[in-house]
Protein backbone atom coordinates (compact mmCIF):
# COMPACT_ATOMS: atom_id res chain seq x y z
CA MET A 1 0.00 0.00 0.00
CA PRO A 2 1.39 3.49 -0.86
CA ARG A 3 2.68 5.55 2.08
CA LEU A 4 -0.04 8.18 1.69
CA ALA A 5 -2.76 5.55 1.83
CA LEU A 6 -1.19 4.00 4.92
CA ALA A 7 -1.04 7.39 6.62
CA VAL A 8 -4.70 8.11 5.83
CA ALA A 9 -5.76 4.68 7.12
CA ALA A 10 -3.82 5.18 10.33
CA ALA A 11 -5.40 8.59 10.86
CA ILE A 12 -8.86 7.12 10.42
CA VAL A 13 -8.16 4.38 12.97
CA ILE A 14 -6.83 6.89 15.49
CA HIS A 15 -9.87 9.13 15.00
CA LEU A 16 -12.26 6.25 15.65
CA MET A 17 -10.49 4.95 18.76
CA PRO A 18 -12.54 5.49 21.93
CA SER A 19 -11.46 8.47 24.02
CA LEU A 20 -12.30 6.85 27.34
CA THR A 21 -9.23 6.47 29.49
CA ALA A 22 -8.54 3.50 31.73
CA PRO A 23 -10.03 3.72 35.23
CA ALA A 24 -7.83 5.70 37.59
CA ALA A 25 -7.74 6.00 41.36
CA ALA A 26 -8.02 9.78 41.08
CA ALA A 27 -7.06 12.67 38.83
CA ALA A 28 -6.16 16.27 39.57
CA GLY A 29 -9.38 18.16 40.16
CA ASP A 30 -11.50 15.12 41.13
CA VAL A 31 -13.71 15.47 44.18
CA ALA A 32 -12.22 13.92 47.30
CA LYS A 33 -12.25 10.12 47.68
CA SER A 34 -13.69 9.51 44.22
CA HIS A 35 -12.58 7.14 41.50
CA ASP A 36 -13.79 5.77 38.19
CA TYR A 37 -16.05 2.74 38.07
CA PRO A 38 -13.84 -0.33 37.43
CA GLY A 39 -13.73 -1.38 33.80
CA ILE A 40 -15.42 1.75 32.43
CA GLY A 41 -13.18 4.77 32.98
CA ARG A 42 -13.83 8.32 31.85
CA PHE A 43 -13.77 10.48 28.73
CA LYS A 44 -10.28 11.85 28.15
CA GLY A 45 -9.67 15.13 29.97
CA SER A 46 -12.68 14.81 32.32
CA ILE A 47 -12.70 15.39 36.06
CA ILE A 48 -15.09 13.87 38.60
CA THR A 49 -17.45 16.56 39.89
CA GLY A 50 -19.87 14.34 41.82
CA TYR A 51 -19.49 10.97 43.49
CA ASP A 52 -22.13 9.06 45.43
CA VAL A 53 -21.84 5.32 46.13
CA LYS A 54 -24.17 3.46 48.45
CA ASP A 55 -23.95 -0.20 49.42
CA PHE A 56 -27.74 -0.39 49.26
CA ASP A 57 -30.07 2.09 47.62
CA ALA A 58 -32.47 2.27 44.67
CA ALA A 59 -32.16 3.72 41.19
CA THR A 60 -34.67 3.92 38.35
CA LEU A 61 -33.42 3.59 34.78
CA GLN A 62 -35.49 4.03 31.64
CA ALA A 63 -35.39 1.09 29.21
CA ALA A 64 -37.70 2.69 26.62
CA PRO A 65 -38.71 6.20 25.48
CA PHE A 66 -41.54 8.08 27.14
CA LYS A 67 -44.97 8.06 25.52
CA ASP A 68 -47.35 10.98 26.07
CA GLY A 69 -44.99 12.30 28.73
CA LYS A 70 -44.95 9.09 30.77
CA ALA A 71 -42.49 6.26 31.30
CA THR A 72 -43.19 3.06 29.37
CA ASP A 73 -40.49 0.76 30.76
CA PRO A 74 -38.93 2.05 33.98
CA ARG A 75 -36.53 -0.36 35.70
CA ARG A 76 -36.23 0.17 39.44
CA VAL A 77 -33.12 -1.55 40.77
CA GLU A 78 -32.34 -2.05 44.45
CA GLY A 79 -28.78 -2.86 45.38
CA ARG A 80 -25.36 -1.23 45.26
CA ILE A 81 -25.77 2.09 43.45
CA SER A 82 -22.87 4.15 42.08
CA ARG A 83 -23.44 7.64 40.66
CA ILE A 84 -20.41 9.39 39.19
CA ALA A 85 -20.61 12.77 37.44
CA TYR A 86 -17.91 14.13 35.13
CA ARG A 87 -17.16 17.50 33.55
CA THR A 88 -15.28 17.79 30.28
CA GLY A 89 -14.04 21.16 29.02
CA PRO A 90 -14.98 22.75 25.69
CA GLY A 91 -14.26 20.80 22.53
CA PRO A 92 -16.12 17.49 22.30
CA SER A 93 -19.82 17.19 21.51
CA ILE A 94 -22.49 15.53 23.63
CA LEU A 95 -22.69 12.78 21.03
CA GLU A 96 -18.94 12.12 21.07
CA VAL A 97 -18.81 11.74 24.84
CA SER A 98 -21.90 9.54 24.88
CA ARG A 99 -20.71 7.32 22.04
CA ASN A 100 -17.42 6.70 23.83
CA PHE A 101 -19.22 5.56 26.98
CA GLU A 102 -21.57 3.42 24.88
CA SER A 103 -18.64 1.76 23.13
CA GLN A 104 -16.85 1.09 26.40
CA LEU A 105 -19.98 -0.41 27.96
CA ALA A 106 -20.53 -2.65 24.94
CA ASN A 107 -16.94 -3.89 25.35
CA ALA A 108 -17.71 -4.55 29.02
CA GLY A 109 -20.58 -6.84 28.02
CA PHE A 110 -23.61 -4.58 28.40
CA GLU A 111 -26.51 -5.00 25.99
CA THR A 112 -28.21 -1.78 24.92
CA LEU A 113 -31.72 -1.21 26.22
CA LEU A 114 -32.10 2.39 25.07
CA ALA A 115 -29.96 5.01 23.33
CA CYS A 116 -31.71 8.24 22.43
CA ASP A 117 -31.51 12.01 22.12
CA VAL A 118 -33.93 14.63 23.44
CA GLU A 119 -37.04 14.22 21.27
CA ALA A 120 -36.64 10.47 20.79
CA CYS A 121 -36.31 10.00 24.56
CA GLY A 122 -39.30 12.07 25.56
CA GLY A 123 -38.05 15.62 26.06
CA ILE A 124 -37.91 17.39 29.42
CA PRO A 125 -40.16 14.93 31.33
CA PHE A 126 -37.73 12.14 30.48
CA SER A 127 -34.66 14.08 31.62
CA GLU A 128 -36.31 14.79 34.97
CA THR A 129 -36.50 11.09 35.88
CA ILE A 130 -32.80 10.31 35.65
CA GLY A 131 -31.92 10.96 39.29
CA ALA A 132 -29.10 13.35 38.44
CA LEU A 133 -26.73 14.50 41.14
CA PRO A 134 -27.40 18.09 42.23
CA ILE A 135 -25.93 21.21 40.61
CA PRO A 136 -23.01 21.94 40.35
CA GLN A 137 -22.02 18.26 40.46
CA MET A 138 -24.18 17.53 37.41
CA TRP A 139 -25.95 19.84 34.94
CA VAL A 140 -28.88 18.68 32.82
CA ASP A 141 -30.31 20.75 29.98
CA GLY A 142 -33.72 19.27 29.18
CA PHE A 143 -33.45 20.60 25.63
CA ASP A 144 -29.99 19.18 24.92
CA TYR A 145 -28.98 15.74 26.17
CA ARG A 146 -28.35 12.11 25.22
CA TYR A 147 -29.24 9.04 27.25
CA TYR A 148 -28.07 5.45 27.23
CA ALA A 149 -29.23 2.48 29.32
CA GLY A 150 -27.79 -1.03 29.29
CA ARG A 151 -28.00 -4.34 31.11
CA LYS A 152 -25.60 -7.20 31.81
CA VAL A 153 -26.03 -10.56 33.50
CA GLU A 154 -22.80 -12.21 34.59
CA ASN A 155 -22.41 -15.17 36.95
CA GLY A 156 -26.07 -14.83 37.87
CA ARG A 157 -25.64 -11.17 38.88
CA GLU A 158 -27.70 -8.52 37.11
CA THR A 159 -26.23 -5.05 36.60
CA TYR A 160 -27.89 -2.04 34.97
CA VAL A 161 -26.10 1.07 33.78
CA SER A 162 -27.15 4.46 32.43
CA VAL A 163 -25.25 7.42 31.02
CA LEU A 164 -26.75 10.88 30.72
CA VAL A 165 -24.70 13.46 28.83
CA SER A 166 -25.70 17.13 28.69
CA LYS A 167 -24.19 20.59 28.47
CA ASN A 168 -23.77 23.78 30.47
CA ASN A 169 -22.34 26.66 28.45
CA ASP A 170 -19.39 24.99 26.70
CA ASP A 171 -18.75 22.29 29.30
CA ILE A 172 -20.00 18.76 28.78
CA PHE A 173 -21.37 16.93 31.81
CA ALA A 174 -21.88 13.18 31.99
CA GLN A 175 -23.37 11.08 34.76
CA LEU A 176 -22.69 7.37 34.94
CA THR A 177 -25.10 5.38 37.11
CA VAL A 178 -24.37 1.72 37.84
CA ALA A 179 -26.98 -0.34 39.69
CA GLU A 180 -25.96 -3.81 40.87
CA ARG A 181 -29.13 -5.68 41.77
CA ASP A 182 -29.46 -7.55 45.08
CA ALA A 183 -26.25 -6.21 46.60
CA MET A 184 -28.00 -6.39 49.98
CA GLN A 185 -28.64 -10.11 49.62
CA ASN A 186 -27.85 -12.16 52.73
CA LYS A 187 -26.87 -9.07 54.74
CA MET A 188 -29.61 -9.42 57.36
CA VAL A 189 -28.42 -11.37 60.38
CA ASP A 190 -30.94 -12.14 63.13
CA ALA A 191 -30.28 -12.54 66.85
CA ALA A 192 -30.00 -16.32 66.60
CA ALA A 193 -27.36 -16.07 63.86
CA MET A 194 -25.46 -13.51 65.91
CA ALA A 195 -25.47 -15.81 68.94
CA LYS A 196 -24.30 -18.73 66.79
CA GLY A 197 -21.48 -16.67 65.24
CA LEU A 198 -20.26 -15.46 68.62
CA GLY A 199 -20.42 -18.96 70.06
CA GLU A 200 -18.61 -20.65 67.17
CA SER A 201 -15.98 -18.08 66.18
CA GLY A 202 -16.12 -15.35 68.80
CA HIS A 203 -17.21 -12.69 66.34
CA ILE A 204 -19.73 -11.99 63.59
CA ALA A 205 -19.75 -9.43 60.77
CA LEU A 206 -22.87 -7.31 60.33
CA TYR A 207 -23.61 -5.73 56.94
CA GLY A 208 -26.99 -4.30 57.86
CA ILE A 209 -25.54 -1.24 59.61
CA TYR A 210 -25.52 1.68 57.17
CA PHE A 211 -23.73 5.04 57.14
CA ASP A 212 -23.39 7.66 54.46
CA THR A 213 -19.96 7.84 52.85
CA ASP A 214 -17.35 9.20 55.28
CA LYS A 215 -19.91 9.79 58.07
CA ALA A 216 -20.70 8.17 61.40
CA THR A 217 -24.43 8.90 61.58
CA LEU A 218 -26.62 5.78 61.50
CA LYS A 219 -29.07 5.62 58.62
CA PRO A 220 -32.72 4.63 59.25
CA GLU A 221 -32.35 1.39 57.27
CA SER A 222 -29.98 0.15 60.01
CA ARG A 223 -32.93 -0.26 62.39
CA PRO A 224 -33.75 -3.94 61.63
CA THR A 225 -30.19 -5.02 62.44
CA LEU A 226 -30.08 -2.84 65.56
CA ASP A 227 -33.34 -4.48 66.67
CA GLN A 228 -31.68 -7.89 66.37
CA ILE A 229 -28.56 -6.81 68.28
CA ALA A 230 -30.81 -5.53 71.07
CA LYS A 231 -32.80 -8.79 71.01
CA LEU A 232 -29.57 -10.76 71.39
CA LEU A 233 -28.33 -8.66 74.31
CA SER A 234 -31.72 -8.55 76.05
CA GLY A 235 -32.03 -12.32 75.79
CA GLN A 236 -28.57 -12.89 77.30
CA PRO A 237 -28.20 -10.43 80.20
CA GLY A 238 -24.74 -11.78 81.01
CA LEU A 239 -23.35 -11.19 77.52
CA ASN A 240 -20.95 -8.31 77.01
CA VAL A 241 -19.60 -7.48 73.55
CA TYR A 242 -17.13 -5.35 71.71
CA ILE A 243 -18.61 -3.37 68.82
CA VAL A 244 -15.83 -2.97 66.28
CA GLY A 245 -15.95 -0.66 63.27
CA HIS A 246 -14.18 -1.51 60.00
CA THR A 247 -13.59 0.57 56.86
CA ASP A 248 -12.08 0.06 53.44
CA SER A 249 -8.69 1.54 52.55
CA GLN A 250 -9.96 4.73 50.89
CA GLY A 251 -8.48 7.73 52.73
CA THR A 252 -5.63 7.99 55.21
CA PRO A 253 -5.03 5.35 57.89
CA ALA A 254 -5.52 7.89 60.70
CA HIS A 255 -8.83 9.08 59.25
CA ASN A 256 -10.13 5.54 58.80
CA LEU A 257 -9.19 4.54 62.32
CA ASP A 258 -11.07 7.55 63.68
CA LEU A 259 -14.09 6.99 61.39
CA SER A 260 -14.36 3.30 62.29
CA ARG A 261 -14.17 4.15 66.01
CA ARG A 262 -16.89 6.81 65.71
CA ARG A 263 -19.13 4.41 63.80
CA ALA A 264 -18.76 1.76 66.50
CA GLU A 265 -19.57 4.38 69.15
CA ALA A 266 -22.67 5.44 67.19
CA VAL A 267 -23.98 1.87 67.30
CA ALA A 268 -23.33 1.58 71.05
CA GLU A 269 -24.97 4.94 71.74
CA ASP A 270 -28.07 3.91 69.80
CA LEU A 271 -28.36 0.64 71.73
CA VAL A 272 -28.11 2.49 75.04
CA ARG A 273 -30.52 5.26 74.05
CA ASN A 274 -33.20 3.34 72.18
CA TYR A 275 -33.02 -0.14 73.72
CA LYS A 276 -31.84 0.61 77.27
CA ILE A 277 -28.85 -1.70 77.01
CA ALA A 278 -26.47 -0.98 79.89
CA LYS A 279 -23.51 0.99 78.61
CA PRO A 280 -20.87 -1.05 80.50
CA ARG A 281 -21.90 -4.10 78.42
CA LEU A 282 -20.83 -2.35 75.20
CA ASN A 283 -17.14 -1.78 74.53
CA THR A 284 -16.20 -0.06 71.27
CA ALA A 285 -13.17 -0.01 69.01
CA GLY A 286 -12.26 0.97 65.47
CA VAL A 287 -9.60 -0.79 63.42
CA GLY A 288 -9.98 1.03 60.11
CA PHE A 289 -8.87 -1.18 57.23
CA LEU A 290 -6.47 -3.30 59.30
CA ALA A 291 -8.63 -6.45 59.28
CA PRO A 292 -9.89 -6.82 55.69
CA VAL A 293 -12.03 -9.76 54.57
CA GLY A 294 -11.86 -8.80 50.89
CA SER A 295 -9.52 -7.07 48.47
CA ASN A 296 -9.41 -3.29 48.80
CA GLY A 297 -8.49 -3.23 45.12
CA THR A 298 -12.08 -3.95 44.01
CA ASP A 299 -15.47 -2.39 44.72
CA SER A 300 -16.89 -5.72 45.88
CA GLY A 301 -13.95 -6.27 48.22
CA ARG A 302 -14.23 -2.78 49.68
CA ALA A 303 -17.97 -3.38 50.28
CA LEU A 304 -17.10 -6.49 52.32
CA ASN A 305 -14.54 -4.56 54.34
CA ARG A 306 -16.99 -1.81 55.32
CA ARG A 307 -18.74 -3.48 58.22
CA VAL A 308 -19.46 -3.54 61.94
CA GLU A 309 -18.55 -6.65 63.92
CA LEU A 310 -19.69 -7.96 67.27
CA VAL A 311 -16.84 -9.57 69.19
CA GLN A 312 -17.19 -11.59 72.37
CA PRO A 313 -14.35 -10.86 74.87
């Protein structure tokens, strides 16, 4: 092939290559303690402007366009929900950013449920259902956006994903939402299981205690597990326990040790206040990420490491 033809062919290949970069732990300008979703990455030159990951929450994705202003195939997914918003400076178009995400998701094994622009999606009513992170983390122009939704089933686990790309002035904003169904499965441990775990191994991990990211305030959905801890302690008046907080490895060791300690103390304080458990029966400690049960190099491993344990002295 002549040199000129080879050069032209190479230029075409380079132009068509996806502009998503490999997932990174962080980039200059990213919000604190944020990172790309594993295996997806970000559009080249973007920074993370919003980051919200919950071990158990709900997200609704649209698998079909709206009709007469109403959803025709909404998919509500309960499980581990990750919402990551990006801002890209002037230059690329909404379509270019969206197509790159779509290509990357196809490579990751997602089948397309819906890919549409404003009018084809359903206009402003459609854009208002996406569950976008608040301004200025994410900007959504109801007259100028593109939406993609996909689904993947792997090893019996169902994962949904959506990408909304819009614009504010000359900046492109994109929000990636990943919903892993049933992430809360098998997390509820009742009083009998707690007693068995303490009797057989001296400790038991509890995954039904929930806190917002980087906070030590108990969330309301922790109540069923707290009820069971109180049932255990009320049924065995002679039982004293250590409540031990654990974190993943995100953040500094000193911060994680302090956070895990405060989370353990929050559990003890709730048991004293709401269930009248005698305070001397509840010792607390925080060990940060020093006792992992999963790899801190993966999202699933980090989710296992974020826990509260009961330990029998």
